[in-house]
Amino acid sequence: MAALLLAVVLSAQPLTAEAADHTPIQSVFIIPTSPAEGRDPFFPDSSRPYATPISPHSPTLQTSLSITGISRDNHNNYFAIIGNHTYGVGDEGDVKTSEGSIHIRCVEIKPTSVVVEVDGQLHELPFSDNP
């Protein structure tokens, strides 16, 4: 009977600070820079994780992509002519350049420039009235 009483007394003690803390553990993922730091568990022979990262924002677009014209309709919606195609905000399409075909998405049209997205990078293309 004494052993049962001791078990009840031990289980009635208050929880410690460690046991009461139920905050989840934050997982941290660090991309390895070499095979010595880690490998892809699904493709262990792949060298893809060690490739140099591409900057998400490139200041200039190294291509012959240019704006031919900017116009506005009666509802103050702007349109831009890029590569002989007219684009409104949100429109996507392929533009042929001297380097090849480029898929763009028109993000914003300003009176003097157009912001396009190419491969996840934003680029502002200036417009000049002078041919």
Protein backbone atom coordinates (compact mmCIF):
# COMPACT_ATOMS: atom_id res chain seq x y z
CA MET A 1 0.00 0.00 0.00
CA ALA A 2 2.93 2.35 0.71
CA ALA A 3 4.32 1.86 -2.82
CA LEU A 4 0.99 2.84 -4.35
CA LEU A 5 0.80 5.94 -2.18
CA LEU A 6 4.36 6.93 -3.21
CA ALA A 7 3.44 6.55 -6.90
CA VAL A 8 0.42 8.84 -6.49
CA VAL A 9 2.51 11.47 -4.65
CA LEU A 10 5.23 11.42 -7.34
CA SER A 11 2.71 11.83 -10.16
CA ALA A 12 1.04 14.78 -8.41
CA GLN A 13 4.22 16.90 -8.44
CA PRO A 14 4.08 20.03 -10.64
CA LEU A 15 5.68 19.93 -14.09
CA THR A 16 9.11 21.43 -14.52
CA ALA A 17 9.70 24.39 -16.87
CA GLU A 18 11.22 22.05 -19.48
CA ALA A 19 8.18 19.77 -19.51
CA ALA A 20 5.69 22.69 -19.61
CA ASP A 21 7.40 24.40 -22.59
CA HIS A 22 5.64 23.18 -25.73
CA THR A 23 7.13 25.58 -28.26
CA PRO A 24 7.89 23.83 -31.54
CA ILE A 25 11.46 23.49 -32.66
CA GLN A 26 12.30 25.69 -35.66
CA SER A 27 13.78 23.69 -38.50
CA VAL A 28 16.67 25.27 -40.35
CA PHE A 29 17.70 24.37 -43.88
CA ILE A 30 21.10 25.42 -45.15
CA ILE A 31 21.95 24.75 -48.78
CA PRO A 32 25.30 22.96 -48.87
CA THR A 33 28.07 24.55 -50.92
CA SER A 34 30.04 21.34 -51.40
CA PRO A 35 29.48 17.56 -51.16
CA ALA A 36 31.36 17.58 -47.85
CA GLU A 37 28.60 19.75 -46.30
CA GLY A 38 25.74 17.52 -47.43
CA ARG A 39 23.96 15.81 -50.31
CA ASP A 40 20.48 15.63 -51.79
CA PRO A 41 18.90 12.57 -50.10
CA PHE A 42 16.79 11.76 -53.16
CA PHE A 43 19.54 12.31 -55.76
CA PRO A 44 22.82 11.79 -53.87
CA ASP A 45 24.98 11.87 -57.03
CA SER A 46 23.48 15.17 -58.26
CA SER A 47 25.67 18.28 -58.39
CA ARG A 48 22.62 20.59 -58.63
CA PRO A 49 22.70 21.77 -54.98
CA TYR A 50 26.25 23.07 -55.39
CA ALA A 51 25.57 25.24 -58.45
CA THR A 52 26.11 28.96 -58.02
CA PRO A 53 22.83 30.68 -57.13
CA ILE A 54 21.23 33.12 -59.55
CA SER A 55 20.47 36.57 -58.22
CA PRO A 56 16.69 37.12 -58.03
CA HIS A 57 16.96 40.75 -59.16
CA SER A 58 19.17 41.61 -62.07
CA PRO A 59 19.48 45.36 -62.70
CA THR A 60 19.82 45.10 -66.47
CA LEU A 61 18.48 42.82 -69.14
CA GLN A 62 21.29 41.81 -71.50
CA THR A 63 19.24 41.50 -74.68
CA SER A 64 17.90 43.48 -77.58
CA LEU A 65 14.43 43.64 -76.01
CA SER A 66 13.00 47.12 -76.62
CA ILE A 67 9.74 49.03 -76.45
CA THR A 68 8.36 50.20 -79.79
CA GLY A 69 5.51 52.27 -78.34
CA ILE A 70 3.30 53.04 -75.35
CA SER A 71 -0.37 53.98 -75.72
CA ARG A 72 -3.36 54.65 -73.49
CA ASP A 73 -7.05 53.93 -74.09
CA ASN A 74 -10.11 55.98 -73.04
CA HIS A 75 -10.16 54.27 -69.62
CA ASN A 76 -6.54 55.30 -68.85
CA ASN A 77 -5.24 51.74 -69.33
CA TYR A 78 -1.70 51.68 -70.68
CA PHE A 79 -0.48 49.30 -73.38
CA ALA A 80 3.08 48.67 -74.58
CA ILE A 81 4.32 47.37 -77.90
CA ILE A 82 7.23 45.00 -77.33
CA GLY A 83 8.57 42.94 -80.22
CA ASN A 84 5.60 43.72 -82.52
CA HIS A 85 3.06 42.51 -79.91
CA THR A 86 0.84 44.65 -77.70
CA TYR A 87 0.90 43.90 -73.97
CA GLY A 88 -1.27 45.14 -71.13
CA VAL A 89 -0.49 44.75 -67.44
CA GLY A 90 -0.52 41.03 -66.61
CA ASP A 91 -0.18 39.85 -70.22
CA GLU A 92 2.41 37.19 -71.07
CA GLY A 93 4.00 36.13 -74.31
CA ASP A 94 7.11 35.17 -76.22
CA VAL A 95 9.22 37.90 -77.82
CA LYS A 96 11.70 37.13 -80.57
CA THR A 97 15.08 38.83 -80.13
CA SER A 98 18.47 38.50 -81.77
CA GLU A 99 19.46 36.13 -78.90
CA GLY A 100 16.36 33.95 -79.39
CA SER A 101 12.83 33.79 -78.03
CA ILE A 102 12.23 35.22 -74.53
CA HIS A 103 9.07 34.64 -72.47
CA ILE A 104 8.00 37.87 -70.73
CA ARG A 105 5.19 38.99 -68.44
CA CYS A 106 4.20 42.65 -68.36
CA VAL A 107 4.15 43.78 -64.72
CA GLU A 108 3.71 47.56 -64.96
CA ILE A 109 3.44 50.15 -67.71
CA LYS A 110 4.53 53.71 -66.97
CA PRO A 111 4.41 56.69 -69.35
CA THR A 112 8.17 56.43 -70.02
CA SER A 113 9.04 52.78 -69.24
CA VAL A 114 7.71 49.24 -68.89
CA VAL A 115 8.49 46.74 -66.12
CA VAL A 116 8.63 43.15 -67.38
CA GLU A 117 9.39 39.85 -65.68
CA VAL A 118 11.85 37.55 -67.44
CA ASP A 119 12.77 34.23 -65.75
CA GLY A 120 11.50 35.48 -62.39
CA GLN A 121 13.55 38.69 -62.57
CA LEU A 122 12.06 42.16 -62.90
CA HIS A 123 13.50 44.51 -65.53
CA GLU A 124 12.53 48.07 -66.35
CA LEU A 125 12.76 48.83 -70.06
CA PRO A 126 13.02 52.55 -70.90
CA PHE A 127 10.99 54.00 -73.77
CA SER A 128 12.37 56.65 -76.10
CA ASP A 129 10.28 58.44 -78.74
CA ASN A 130 13.39 58.89 -80.87
CA PRO A 131 13.91 56.09 -83.41
